[in-house]
Amino acid sequence: MHSVHKDLSLISLVPKWSGGENAIPPEEFLASIECAALLGKWKVRDCMNIAVLRLADPAKTFYNACTELHAKDASWQDFKGAFRERFRDVHNDKYH
């Protein structure tokens, strides 16, 4: 049987993310996790755990206060949805 080894050294490719005004957009943060996960053969649960490790400041506070994300059945999709909703860009195209 062929075994697959996950490469957790790729965590360094995932930037710390605060969700603050000057932070990269949430989509970019989440995409960096998914890209590293694909390359490193991480499991879906690894994505959530690594994302939590890379959160800082307002994003970490949001996660800590979001009880549904701490449930055993919380999924990566739940995590992404919560962060997309909370940290979405509220400005319209004319603003940019």
C-alpha atoms as a PDB file:
ATOM      1  CA  MET A   1       0.000   0.000   0.000  1.00  0.00           C
ATOM      2  CA  HIS A   2       1.316   3.449  -0.945  1.00  0.00           C
ATOM      3  CA  SER A   3       1.241   6.001   1.864  1.00  0.00           C
ATOM      4  CA  VAL A   4       0.766   9.723   1.422  1.00  0.00           C
ATOM      5  CA  HIS A   5       2.726  12.078   3.633  1.00  0.00           C
ATOM      6  CA  LYS A   6       1.463  15.563   4.289  1.00  0.00           C
ATOM      7  CA  ASP A   7       3.941  18.391   4.157  1.00  0.00           C
ATOM      8  CA  LEU A   8       3.185  20.783   6.993  1.00  0.00           C
ATOM      9  CA  SER A   9       6.267  22.871   6.234  1.00  0.00           C
ATOM     10  CA  LEU A  10       4.078  24.664   3.687  1.00  0.00           C
ATOM     11  CA  ILE A  11       2.344  26.450   6.559  1.00  0.00           C
ATOM     12  CA  SER A  12       4.982  29.139   6.064  1.00  0.00           C
ATOM     13  CA  LEU A  13       3.332  29.976   2.713  1.00  0.00           C
ATOM     14  CA  VAL A  14       0.151  31.020   4.514  1.00  0.00           C
ATOM     15  CA  PRO A  15       0.410  34.642   5.635  1.00  0.00           C
ATOM     16  CA  LYS A  16      -0.680  35.836   9.057  1.00  0.00           C
ATOM     17  CA  TRP A  17      -4.068  37.471   8.558  1.00  0.00           C
ATOM     18  CA  SER A  18      -5.748  40.062  10.739  1.00  0.00           C
ATOM     19  CA  GLY A  19      -8.766  40.939   8.624  1.00  0.00           C
ATOM     20  CA  GLY A  20      -7.927  44.580   9.283  1.00  0.00           C
ATOM     21  CA  GLU A  21      -8.257  47.458   6.874  1.00  0.00           C
ATOM     22  CA  ASN A  22      -4.772  46.975   5.415  1.00  0.00           C
ATOM     23  CA  ALA A  23      -4.904  43.165   5.318  1.00  0.00           C
ATOM     24  CA  ILE A  24      -5.150  41.156   2.134  1.00  0.00           C
ATOM     25  CA  PRO A  25      -8.740  40.259   1.183  1.00  0.00           C
ATOM     26  CA  PRO A  26     -10.203  37.174   2.873  1.00  0.00           C
ATOM     27  CA  GLU A  27     -10.401  35.391  -0.499  1.00  0.00           C
ATOM     28  CA  GLU A  28      -6.647  35.734  -0.928  1.00  0.00           C
ATOM     29  CA  PHE A  29      -5.998  34.405   2.584  1.00  0.00           C
ATOM     30  CA  LEU A  30      -8.327  31.432   2.088  1.00  0.00           C
ATOM     31  CA  ALA A  31      -6.869  30.709  -1.355  1.00  0.00           C
ATOM     32  CA  SER A  32      -3.349  30.626   0.087  1.00  0.00           C
ATOM     33  CA  ILE A  33      -4.467  27.962   2.550  1.00  0.00           C
ATOM     34  CA  GLU A  34      -6.169  25.884  -0.126  1.00  0.00           C
ATOM     35  CA  CYS A  35      -3.176  26.127  -2.465  1.00  0.00           C
ATOM     36  CA  ALA A  36      -0.750  25.059   0.267  1.00  0.00           C
ATOM     37  CA  ALA A  37      -3.177  22.270   1.241  1.00  0.00           C
ATOM     38  CA  LEU A  38      -3.215  20.930  -2.291  1.00  0.00           C
ATOM     39  CA  LEU A  39       0.563  20.970  -2.566  1.00  0.00           C
ATOM     40  CA  GLY A  40       1.089  19.581   0.934  1.00  0.00           C
ATOM     41  CA  LYS A  41      -1.643  16.932   0.747  1.00  0.00           C
ATOM     42  CA  TRP A  42      -3.386  18.339   3.810  1.00  0.00           C
ATOM     43  CA  LYS A  43      -6.776  17.109   4.921  1.00  0.00           C
ATOM     44  CA  VAL A  44      -9.741  19.494   5.085  1.00  0.00           C
ATOM     45  CA  ARG A  45      -9.528  19.641   8.889  1.00  0.00           C
ATOM     46  CA  ASP A  46      -5.869  20.683   8.550  1.00  0.00           C
ATOM     47  CA  CYS A  47      -7.016  23.727   6.568  1.00  0.00           C
ATOM     48  CA  MET A  48      -9.183  24.915   9.431  1.00  0.00           C
ATOM     49  CA  ASN A  49      -6.547  24.284  12.072  1.00  0.00           C
ATOM     50  CA  ILE A  50      -3.844  26.054  10.072  1.00  0.00           C
ATOM     51  CA  ALA A  51      -6.147  28.972   9.296  1.00  0.00           C
ATOM     52  CA  VAL A  52      -6.801  29.423  13.007  1.00  0.00           C
ATOM     53  CA  LEU A  53      -3.066  29.366  13.718  1.00  0.00           C
ATOM     54  CA  ARG A  54      -2.486  32.124  11.150  1.00  0.00           C
ATOM     55  CA  LEU A  55      -5.259  34.455  12.406  1.00  0.00           C
ATOM     56  CA  ALA A  56      -4.353  37.628  14.261  1.00  0.00           C
ATOM     57  CA  ASP A  57      -6.034  40.630  15.873  1.00  0.00           C
ATOM     58  CA  PRO A  58      -9.676  41.235  14.726  1.00  0.00           C
ATOM     59  CA  ALA A  59      -9.813  37.999  12.744  1.00  0.00           C
ATOM     60  CA  LYS A  60      -8.669  35.972  15.765  1.00  0.00           C
ATOM     61  CA  THR A  61     -11.145  37.793  17.996  1.00  0.00           C
ATOM     62  CA  PHE A  62     -13.944  37.043  15.523  1.00  0.00           C
ATOM     63  CA  TYR A  63     -13.006  33.362  15.425  1.00  0.00           C
ATOM     64  CA  ASN A  64     -12.851  33.129  19.219  1.00  0.00           C
ATOM     65  CA  ALA A  65     -16.321  34.684  19.504  1.00  0.00           C
ATOM     66  CA  CYS A  66     -17.884  32.593  16.722  1.00  0.00           C
ATOM     67  CA  THR A  67     -19.063  29.560  18.705  1.00  0.00           C
ATOM     68  CA  GLU A  68     -20.429  27.694  15.670  1.00  0.00           C
ATOM     69  CA  LEU A  69     -16.895  27.451  14.271  1.00  0.00           C
ATOM     70  CA  HIS A  70     -15.782  25.651  17.439  1.00  0.00           C
ATOM     71  CA  ALA A  71     -18.354  22.865  17.050  1.00  0.00           C
ATOM     72  CA  LYS A  72     -17.009  19.407  16.238  1.00  0.00           C
ATOM     73  CA  ASP A  73     -19.073  19.318  13.052  1.00  0.00           C
ATOM     74  CA  ALA A  74     -17.894  22.733  11.803  1.00  0.00           C
ATOM     75  CA  SER A  75     -16.566  22.368   8.286  1.00  0.00           C
ATOM     76  CA  TRP A  76     -14.028  24.215   6.172  1.00  0.00           C
ATOM     77  CA  GLN A  77     -16.972  25.518   4.121  1.00  0.00           C
ATOM     78  CA  ASP A  78     -18.553  26.894   7.324  1.00  0.00           C
ATOM     79  CA  PHE A  79     -15.260  28.554   8.230  1.00  0.00           C
ATOM     80  CA  LYS A  80     -14.837  30.145   4.799  1.00  0.00           C
ATOM     81  CA  GLY A  81     -18.454  31.318   4.723  1.00  0.00           C
ATOM     82  CA  ALA A  82     -18.237  32.948   8.142  1.00  0.00           C
ATOM     83  CA  PHE A  83     -15.032  34.794   7.289  1.00  0.00           C
ATOM     84  CA  ARG A  84     -16.241  35.846   3.831  1.00  0.00           C
ATOM     85  CA  GLU A  85     -19.403  37.282   5.370  1.00  0.00           C
ATOM     86  CA  ARG A  86     -17.718  39.027   8.302  1.00  0.00           C
ATOM     87  CA  PHE A  87     -14.775  40.491   6.368  1.00  0.00           C
ATOM     88  CA  ARG A  88     -16.413  41.151   2.995  1.00  0.00           C
ATOM     89  CA  ASP A  89     -15.660  44.400   1.228  1.00  0.00           C
ATOM     90  CA  VAL A  90     -18.625  46.706   1.812  1.00  0.00           C
ATOM     91  CA  HIS A  91     -17.474  49.263  -0.753  1.00  0.00           C
ATOM     92  CA  ASN A  92     -19.006  49.298  -4.208  1.00  0.00           C
ATOM     93  CA  ASP A  93     -17.052  49.300  -7.472  1.00  0.00           C
ATOM     94  CA  LYS A  94     -17.206  53.110  -7.747  1.00  0.00           C
ATOM     95  CA  TYR A  95     -15.272  53.389  -4.465  1.00  0.00           C
ATOM     96  CA  HIS A  96     -12.392  51.349  -5.842  1.00  0.00           C
END
